C-alpha atoms as a PDB file:
ATOM      1  CA  MET A   1      49.957 -44.702   1.374  1.00  0.00           C
ATOM      2  CA  VAL A   2      50.856 -46.420   4.658  1.00  0.00           C
ATOM      3  CA  LYS A   3      48.157 -48.559   6.296  1.00  0.00           C
ATOM      4  CA  ILE A   4      47.829 -50.398   9.592  1.00  0.00           C
ATOM      5  CA  ARG A   5      46.382 -53.824   8.789  1.00  0.00           C
ATOM      6  CA  LEU A   6      46.262 -57.453   9.762  1.00  0.00           C
ATOM      7  CA  ARG A   7      48.568 -60.099   8.555  1.00  0.00           C
ATOM      8  CA  ARG A   8      47.339 -63.570   8.971  1.00  0.00           C
ATOM      9  CA  ILE A   9      49.809 -66.155  10.248  1.00  0.00           C
ATOM     10  CA  GLY A  10      47.485 -68.844  11.619  1.00  0.00           C
ATOM     11  CA  GLN A  11      46.774 -72.272  10.232  1.00  0.00           C
ATOM     12  CA  LYS A  12      43.656 -73.376   8.391  1.00  0.00           C
ATOM     13  CA  LYS A  13      40.563 -72.750  10.612  1.00  0.00           C
ATOM     14  CA  ALA A  14      42.798 -71.416  13.384  1.00  0.00           C
ATOM     15  CA  PRO A  15      43.245 -67.703  12.571  1.00  0.00           C
ATOM     16  CA  TYR A  16      45.884 -65.689  14.368  1.00  0.00           C
ATOM     17  CA  TYR A  17      46.961 -62.277  13.202  1.00  0.00           C
ATOM     18  CA  ARG A  18      49.788 -59.658  13.474  1.00  0.00           C
ATOM     19  CA  ILE A  19      48.957 -56.091  13.418  1.00  0.00           C
ATOM     20  CA  VAL A  20      51.411 -54.556  10.961  1.00  0.00           C
ATOM     21  CA  VAL A  21      52.318 -51.222   9.291  1.00  0.00           C
ATOM     22  CA  ALA A  22      52.835 -51.730   5.587  1.00  0.00           C
ATOM     23  CA  ASP A  23      52.551 -49.935   2.330  1.00  0.00           C
ATOM     24  CA  SER A  24      49.150 -50.343   0.742  1.00  0.00           C
ATOM     25  CA  ARG A  25      50.543 -51.036  -2.683  1.00  0.00           C
ATOM     26  CA  VAL A  26      52.184 -54.320  -1.643  1.00  0.00           C
ATOM     27  CA  SER A  27      50.449 -57.748  -1.115  1.00  0.00           C
ATOM     28  CA  MET A  28      48.995 -58.702   2.243  1.00  0.00           C
ATOM     29  CA  ASN A  29      51.684 -61.084   3.379  1.00  0.00           C
ATOM     30  CA  SER A  30      54.721 -59.392   1.703  1.00  0.00           C
ATOM     31  CA  LYS A  31      57.163 -56.908   3.149  1.00  0.00           C
ATOM     32  CA  MET A  32      56.053 -54.885   6.200  1.00  0.00           C
ATOM     33  CA  ILE A  33      57.446 -51.822   7.699  1.00  0.00           C
ATOM     34  CA  GLU A  34      56.817 -52.602  11.332  1.00  0.00           C
ATOM     35  CA  GLU A  35      54.879 -55.056  13.486  1.00  0.00           C
ATOM     36  CA  ILE A  36      53.096 -53.330  16.283  1.00  0.00           C
ATOM     37  CA  GLY A  37      51.039 -56.250  17.862  1.00  0.00           C
ATOM     38  CA  THR A  38      48.964 -59.386  17.658  1.00  0.00           C
ATOM     39  CA  TYR A  39      45.409 -60.313  17.581  1.00  0.00           C
ATOM     40  CA  ASP A  40      43.886 -63.708  18.532  1.00  0.00           C
ATOM     41  CA  PRO A  41      40.242 -63.939  17.738  1.00  0.00           C
ATOM     42  CA  LEU A  42      39.738 -67.427  19.029  1.00  0.00           C
ATOM     43  CA  LYS A  43      40.174 -66.734  22.643  1.00  0.00           C
ATOM     44  CA  ASN A  44      37.169 -65.581  24.579  1.00  0.00           C
ATOM     45  CA  PRO A  45      37.476 -62.604  24.845  1.00  0.00           C
ATOM     46  CA  ALA A  46      39.692 -61.996  21.877  1.00  0.00           C
ATOM     47  CA  GLU A  47      43.188 -61.419  22.909  1.00  0.00           C
ATOM     48  CA  ILE A  48      44.892 -58.272  21.840  1.00  0.00           C
ATOM     49  CA  GLN A  49      48.593 -57.412  22.555  1.00  0.00           C
ATOM     50  CA  LEU A  50      49.566 -53.998  21.201  1.00  0.00           C
ATOM     51  CA  ASN A  51      52.428 -51.629  21.402  1.00  0.00           C
ATOM     52  CA  GLU A  52      50.298 -48.451  21.947  1.00  0.00           C
ATOM     53  CA  GLU A  53      53.212 -46.050  21.610  1.00  0.00           C
ATOM     54  CA  ALA A  54      54.111 -47.331  18.162  1.00  0.00           C
ATOM     55  CA  ALA A  55      50.415 -47.331  17.040  1.00  0.00           C
ATOM     56  CA  LYS A  56      49.979 -43.716  18.245  1.00  0.00           C
ATOM     57  CA  LYS A  57      53.285 -42.687  16.472  1.00  0.00           C
ATOM     58  CA  TRP A  58      52.083 -44.250  13.099  1.00  0.00           C
ATOM     59  CA  ILE A  59      48.684 -42.736  13.383  1.00  0.00           C
ATOM     60  CA  ALA A  60      50.199 -39.351  14.011  1.00  0.00           C
ATOM     61  CA  ASN A  61      52.343 -39.736  11.045  1.00  0.00           C
ATOM     62  CA  GLY A  62      49.438 -40.380   8.727  1.00  0.00           C
ATOM     63  CA  ALA A  63      48.982 -44.223   8.676  1.00  0.00           C
ATOM     64  CA  GLN A  64      45.426 -45.129   7.936  1.00  0.00           C
ATOM     65  CA  PRO A  65      44.057 -48.206   9.912  1.00  0.00           C
ATOM     66  CA  THR A  66      41.743 -50.537   8.037  1.00  0.00           C
ATOM     67  CA  PRO A  67      38.206 -50.868   9.346  1.00  0.00           C
ATOM     68  CA  THR A  68      39.000 -54.133  11.406  1.00  0.00           C
ATOM     69  CA  VAL A  69      42.213 -52.697  12.841  1.00  0.00           C
ATOM     70  CA  SER A  70      40.364 -49.390  13.716  1.00  0.00           C
ATOM     71  CA  ASN A  71      37.827 -51.438  15.806  1.00  0.00           C
ATOM     72  CA  ILE A  72      40.815 -53.307  17.596  1.00  0.00           C
ATOM     73  CA  LEU A  73      42.527 -49.957  18.275  1.00  0.00           C
ATOM     74  CA  LYS A  74      39.282 -48.595  19.862  1.00  0.00           C
ATOM     75  CA  LYS A  75      39.059 -51.631  22.022  1.00  0.00           C
ATOM     76  CA  ALA A  76      42.641 -51.185  23.154  1.00  0.00           C
ATOM     77  CA  GLY A  77      41.893 -47.569  23.832  1.00  0.00           C
ATOM     78  CA  VAL A  78      44.449 -46.205  21.237  1.00  0.00           C
ATOM     79  CA  ILE A  79      41.894 -44.090  19.348  1.00  0.00           C
ATOM     80  CA  LYS A  80      38.484 -42.760  20.270  1.00  0.00           C
END
């Protein structure tokens, strides 16, 4: 199953995430299929950079976003 999830790349106490499309059977920080955006929760408001076309394409092809990524996609206006 393909999931859209967060991949942490930030340092200790300074989280920064990439929004990636990956197989759900592999570990969190291993091989990914495609990177579709970034998420910085430390900025006020949280900064989201997203390739909306790629996100819509993957959702249409059956990729399931995790609950956190689902909230991010709703804020970005990709899903309702």
